[in-house]
N, C-alpha and C. Protein backbone atom coordinates (compact mmCIF):
# COMPACT_ATOMS: atom_id res chain seq x y z
N MET A 1 -14.22 7.75 -5.53
CA MET A 1 -13.13 6.81 -5.66
C MET A 1 -13.62 5.42 -5.24
N SER A 2 -13.23 4.42 -5.98
CA SER A 2 -13.63 3.04 -5.70
C SER A 2 -12.38 2.20 -5.45
N PRO A 3 -12.05 1.95 -4.20
CA PRO A 3 -10.79 1.28 -3.89
C PRO A 3 -10.80 -0.22 -4.18
N LYS A 4 -9.69 -0.68 -4.75
CA LYS A 4 -9.48 -2.11 -4.94
C LYS A 4 -9.14 -2.71 -3.58
N VAL A 5 -9.81 -3.81 -3.21
CA VAL A 5 -9.57 -4.41 -1.91
C VAL A 5 -8.95 -5.80 -2.00
N LEU A 6 -8.99 -6.39 -3.19
CA LEU A 6 -8.45 -7.74 -3.35
C LEU A 6 -8.21 -7.99 -4.82
N GLN A 7 -7.19 -8.78 -5.10
CA GLN A 7 -6.94 -9.22 -6.47
C GLN A 7 -6.44 -10.66 -6.43
N GLU A 8 -7.05 -11.49 -7.24
CA GLU A 8 -6.65 -12.89 -7.38
C GLU A 8 -6.50 -13.16 -8.87
N GLY A 9 -5.27 -13.25 -9.33
CA GLY A 9 -5.04 -13.41 -10.77
C GLY A 9 -5.58 -12.20 -11.50
N SER A 10 -6.40 -12.44 -12.52
CA SER A 10 -6.96 -11.33 -13.29
C SER A 10 -8.23 -10.75 -12.68
N LEU A 11 -8.75 -11.38 -11.62
CA LEU A 11 -9.97 -10.88 -10.99
C LEU A 11 -9.65 -9.78 -9.98
N ILE A 12 -10.34 -8.66 -10.13
CA ILE A 12 -10.15 -7.51 -9.25
C ILE A 12 -11.46 -7.29 -8.49
N PHE A 13 -11.34 -7.11 -7.18
CA PHE A 13 -12.48 -6.92 -6.30
C PHE A 13 -12.38 -5.51 -5.71
N TRP A 14 -13.45 -4.74 -5.76
CA TRP A 14 -13.43 -3.39 -5.24
C TRP A 14 -14.79 -2.98 -4.71
N PHE A 15 -14.77 -1.93 -3.90
CA PHE A 15 -16.00 -1.35 -3.37
C PHE A 15 -16.35 -0.13 -4.21
N HIS A 16 -17.62 0.06 -4.41
CA HIS A 16 -18.09 1.21 -5.16
C HIS A 16 -18.54 2.29 -4.18
N SER A 17 -18.10 3.50 -4.38
CA SER A 17 -18.40 4.59 -3.45
C SER A 17 -19.91 4.85 -3.34
N TYR A 18 -20.64 4.70 -4.42
CA TYR A 18 -22.10 4.90 -4.37
C TYR A 18 -22.73 3.91 -3.41
N ASP A 19 -22.32 2.64 -3.52
CA ASP A 19 -22.88 1.60 -2.65
C ASP A 19 -22.61 1.92 -1.18
N ALA A 20 -21.40 2.36 -0.88
CA ALA A 20 -21.03 2.65 0.50
C ALA A 20 -21.86 3.80 1.07
N ARG A 21 -22.20 4.75 0.24
CA ARG A 21 -22.98 5.90 0.72
C ARG A 21 -24.46 5.60 0.86
N TYR A 22 -25.02 4.83 -0.08
CA TYR A 22 -26.47 4.75 -0.19
C TYR A 22 -27.10 3.37 0.06
N GLU A 23 -26.31 2.35 0.24
CA GLU A 23 -26.88 1.02 0.46
C GLU A 23 -26.51 0.51 1.84
N ALA A 24 -27.45 -0.18 2.47
CA ALA A 24 -27.21 -0.72 3.81
C ALA A 24 -26.44 -2.04 3.75
N ARG A 25 -26.68 -2.83 2.71
CA ARG A 25 -26.03 -4.14 2.58
C ARG A 25 -24.63 -3.99 2.01
N ALA A 26 -23.71 -4.77 2.55
CA ALA A 26 -22.33 -4.78 2.04
C ALA A 26 -22.29 -5.50 0.70
N SER A 27 -21.48 -4.96 -0.21
CA SER A 27 -21.32 -5.58 -1.52
C SER A 27 -19.91 -5.34 -2.03
N VAL A 28 -19.52 -6.16 -2.99
CA VAL A 28 -18.23 -5.99 -3.64
C VAL A 28 -18.45 -6.14 -5.14
N HIS A 29 -17.70 -5.39 -5.91
CA HIS A 29 -17.76 -5.47 -7.37
C HIS A 29 -16.57 -6.30 -7.84
N VAL A 30 -16.76 -7.01 -8.93
CA VAL A 30 -15.71 -7.88 -9.47
C VAL A 30 -15.58 -7.64 -10.96
N GLY A 31 -14.35 -7.47 -11.39
CA GLY A 31 -14.07 -7.30 -12.80
C GLY A 31 -12.87 -8.13 -13.20
N LYS A 32 -12.62 -8.17 -14.47
CA LYS A 32 -11.49 -8.94 -15.00
C LYS A 32 -10.49 -7.96 -15.60
N GLY A 33 -9.39 -7.75 -14.89
CA GLY A 33 -8.33 -6.90 -15.39
C GLY A 33 -8.49 -5.42 -15.10
N THR A 34 -9.73 -4.94 -15.00
CA THR A 34 -9.96 -3.52 -14.73
C THR A 34 -11.18 -3.35 -13.84
N GLN A 35 -11.32 -2.16 -13.30
CA GLN A 35 -12.51 -1.79 -12.54
C GLN A 35 -13.46 -1.07 -13.49
N ASP A 36 -14.32 -1.81 -14.14
CA ASP A 36 -15.22 -1.29 -15.16
C ASP A 36 -16.65 -1.33 -14.63
N ASP A 37 -17.14 -0.22 -14.12
CA ASP A 37 -18.45 -0.17 -13.49
C ASP A 37 -19.59 -0.61 -14.40
N ARG A 38 -19.47 -0.40 -15.68
CA ARG A 38 -20.57 -0.75 -16.59
C ARG A 38 -20.66 -2.24 -16.88
N ASN A 39 -19.55 -2.96 -16.73
CA ASN A 39 -19.54 -4.37 -17.11
C ASN A 39 -19.23 -5.33 -15.96
N ASP A 40 -19.00 -4.80 -14.79
CA ASP A 40 -18.59 -5.63 -13.65
C ASP A 40 -19.75 -6.46 -13.10
N ALA A 41 -19.38 -7.39 -12.24
CA ALA A 41 -20.37 -8.13 -11.47
C ALA A 41 -20.45 -7.48 -10.10
N LYS A 42 -21.62 -7.53 -9.50
CA LYS A 42 -21.81 -7.02 -8.15
C LYS A 42 -22.31 -8.16 -7.28
N ILE A 43 -21.64 -8.36 -6.16
CA ILE A 43 -21.96 -9.48 -5.27
C ILE A 43 -22.32 -8.94 -3.89
N TRP A 44 -23.48 -9.33 -3.38
CA TRP A 44 -23.84 -9.00 -2.01
C TRP A 44 -22.99 -9.86 -1.08
N LEU A 45 -22.53 -9.28 0.01
CA LEU A 45 -21.76 -10.01 1.02
C LEU A 45 -22.61 -10.41 2.21
N GLU A 46 -23.77 -9.80 2.33
CA GLU A 46 -24.66 -10.10 3.45
C GLU A 46 -26.11 -9.93 3.03
N PRO A 47 -27.05 -10.57 3.67
CA PRO A 47 -26.84 -11.50 4.76
C PRO A 47 -26.12 -12.78 4.32
N GLU A 48 -26.21 -13.08 3.03
CA GLU A 48 -25.47 -14.21 2.46
C GLU A 48 -24.79 -13.73 1.18
N ILE A 49 -23.81 -14.47 0.73
CA ILE A 49 -23.16 -14.15 -0.55
C ILE A 49 -24.16 -14.47 -1.66
N GLU A 50 -24.42 -13.47 -2.49
CA GLU A 50 -25.44 -13.60 -3.53
C GLU A 50 -25.09 -12.68 -4.70
N VAL A 51 -25.30 -13.14 -5.90
CA VAL A 51 -25.04 -12.31 -7.08
C VAL A 51 -26.15 -11.28 -7.22
N ALA A 52 -25.78 -10.01 -7.14
CA ALA A 52 -26.73 -8.93 -7.35
C ALA A 52 -26.84 -8.62 -8.84
N ARG A 53 -25.70 -8.70 -9.53
CA ARG A 53 -25.65 -8.43 -10.97
C ARG A 53 -24.47 -9.22 -11.54
N ALA A 54 -24.73 -10.05 -12.53
CA ALA A 54 -23.67 -10.88 -13.12
C ALA A 54 -22.73 -10.05 -14.00
N GLY A 55 -23.21 -8.97 -14.54
CA GLY A 55 -22.39 -8.13 -15.41
C GLY A 55 -22.06 -8.82 -16.72
N ARG A 56 -21.15 -8.19 -17.48
CA ARG A 56 -20.77 -8.74 -18.78
C ARG A 56 -19.29 -9.07 -18.88
N ALA A 57 -18.52 -8.71 -17.86
CA ALA A 57 -17.06 -8.87 -17.94
C ALA A 57 -16.60 -10.30 -17.68
N LEU A 58 -17.36 -11.04 -16.89
CA LEU A 58 -16.92 -12.38 -16.48
C LEU A 58 -17.72 -13.48 -17.17
N ARG A 59 -17.01 -14.49 -17.60
CA ARG A 59 -17.69 -15.70 -18.09
C ARG A 59 -18.24 -16.45 -16.87
N ARG A 60 -19.13 -17.37 -17.09
CA ARG A 60 -19.78 -18.11 -16.01
C ARG A 60 -18.76 -18.75 -15.06
N GLU A 61 -17.73 -19.38 -15.61
CA GLU A 61 -16.73 -20.04 -14.75
C GLU A 61 -15.90 -19.02 -13.97
N GLU A 62 -15.70 -17.84 -14.54
CA GLU A 62 -14.97 -16.79 -13.82
C GLU A 62 -15.82 -16.24 -12.67
N LEU A 63 -17.12 -16.10 -12.91
CA LEU A 63 -18.02 -15.66 -11.85
C LEU A 63 -18.04 -16.68 -10.72
N GLN A 64 -18.08 -17.96 -11.08
CA GLN A 64 -18.07 -19.01 -10.05
C GLN A 64 -16.77 -18.98 -9.25
N ARG A 65 -15.67 -18.74 -9.93
CA ARG A 65 -14.37 -18.61 -9.25
C ARG A 65 -14.37 -17.40 -8.31
N ALA A 66 -14.94 -16.29 -8.79
CA ALA A 66 -15.03 -15.08 -7.96
C ALA A 66 -15.85 -15.35 -6.71
N LEU A 67 -16.95 -16.09 -6.84
CA LEU A 67 -17.77 -16.42 -5.68
C LEU A 67 -17.01 -17.28 -4.67
N ARG A 68 -16.20 -18.20 -5.17
CA ARG A 68 -15.38 -19.02 -4.26
C ARG A 68 -14.35 -18.16 -3.53
N ILE A 69 -13.74 -17.24 -4.24
CA ILE A 69 -12.76 -16.33 -3.63
C ILE A 69 -13.43 -15.46 -2.58
N ILE A 70 -14.61 -14.95 -2.90
CA ILE A 70 -15.34 -14.13 -1.94
C ILE A 70 -15.68 -14.94 -0.69
N GLU A 71 -16.09 -16.17 -0.88
CA GLU A 71 -16.39 -17.04 0.27
C GLU A 71 -15.16 -17.20 1.16
N GLN A 72 -14.01 -17.42 0.54
CA GLN A 72 -12.76 -17.60 1.30
C GLN A 72 -12.35 -16.33 2.05
N HIS A 73 -12.68 -15.17 1.52
CA HIS A 73 -12.22 -13.89 2.08
C HIS A 73 -13.37 -13.04 2.62
N ARG A 74 -14.51 -13.66 2.86
CA ARG A 74 -15.71 -12.91 3.25
C ARG A 74 -15.50 -12.06 4.49
N GLU A 75 -14.92 -12.60 5.54
CA GLU A 75 -14.73 -11.83 6.78
C GLU A 75 -13.84 -10.61 6.53
N TYR A 76 -12.77 -10.80 5.80
CA TYR A 76 -11.88 -9.68 5.45
C TYR A 76 -12.64 -8.62 4.65
N LEU A 77 -13.40 -9.06 3.65
CA LEU A 77 -14.14 -8.13 2.81
C LEU A 77 -15.17 -7.35 3.62
N LEU A 78 -15.88 -8.03 4.52
CA LEU A 78 -16.86 -7.35 5.35
C LEU A 78 -16.18 -6.32 6.27
N GLU A 79 -15.07 -6.70 6.85
CA GLU A 79 -14.33 -5.78 7.72
C GLU A 79 -13.90 -4.54 6.93
N GLN A 80 -13.34 -4.75 5.76
CA GLN A 80 -12.90 -3.64 4.93
C GLN A 80 -14.07 -2.79 4.45
N TRP A 81 -15.19 -3.44 4.15
CA TRP A 81 -16.39 -2.72 3.70
C TRP A 81 -16.82 -1.71 4.76
N TYR A 82 -16.91 -2.15 6.02
CA TYR A 82 -17.41 -1.25 7.06
C TYR A 82 -16.40 -0.15 7.38
N VAL A 83 -15.13 -0.41 7.25
CA VAL A 83 -14.13 0.65 7.39
C VAL A 83 -14.33 1.67 6.26
N TYR A 84 -14.44 1.18 5.03
CA TYR A 84 -14.62 2.08 3.89
C TYR A 84 -15.95 2.83 3.97
N LYS A 85 -17.01 2.13 4.32
CA LYS A 85 -18.33 2.75 4.42
C LYS A 85 -18.31 3.89 5.44
N GLY A 86 -17.66 3.68 6.57
CA GLY A 86 -17.55 4.74 7.57
C GLY A 86 -16.84 5.96 7.04
N LYS A 87 -15.80 5.75 6.27
CA LYS A 87 -15.06 6.87 5.68
C LYS A 87 -15.91 7.57 4.62
N ALA A 88 -16.61 6.80 3.80
CA ALA A 88 -17.41 7.38 2.73
C ALA A 88 -18.58 8.18 3.31
N VAL A 89 -19.20 7.68 4.36
CA VAL A 89 -20.32 8.38 4.96
C VAL A 89 -19.85 9.67 5.64
N ARG A 90 -18.74 9.58 6.36
CA ARG A 90 -18.18 10.78 7.02
C ARG A 90 -17.82 11.84 6.00
N ARG A 91 -17.21 11.42 4.89
CA ARG A 91 -16.83 12.37 3.85
C ARG A 91 -18.07 13.07 3.30
N THR A 92 -19.15 12.31 3.07
CA THR A 92 -20.38 12.88 2.55
C THR A 92 -20.97 13.88 3.54
N GLY A 93 -20.99 13.53 4.82
CA GLY A 93 -21.56 14.39 5.84
C GLY A 93 -20.75 15.65 6.06
N ALA A 94 -19.47 15.62 5.76
CA ALA A 94 -18.60 16.78 6.01
C ALA A 94 -18.70 17.84 4.93
N GLY A 95 -19.21 17.46 3.76
CA GLY A 95 -19.14 18.36 2.63
C GLY A 95 -20.32 19.19 2.46
């Protein structure tokens, strides 16, 4: 399951369960209208905000807008990431 953590207009921000289980760096995925893993953008939240994958869903100006939104909500996103990551890791270890 990949929970949506933020929405601003048509931009949807969510965490990917694979990332939470297997990656050390916090990241958020961004799509337009839907959570489409094949076409989304992936943004690293640490150590700095950085585009990991631009994807195909967002135009350049939409990606720039998404980066501004992430900057504004970075602390919230990081907090939510570590809460989600803890749950995802525990779930994996329990099964």
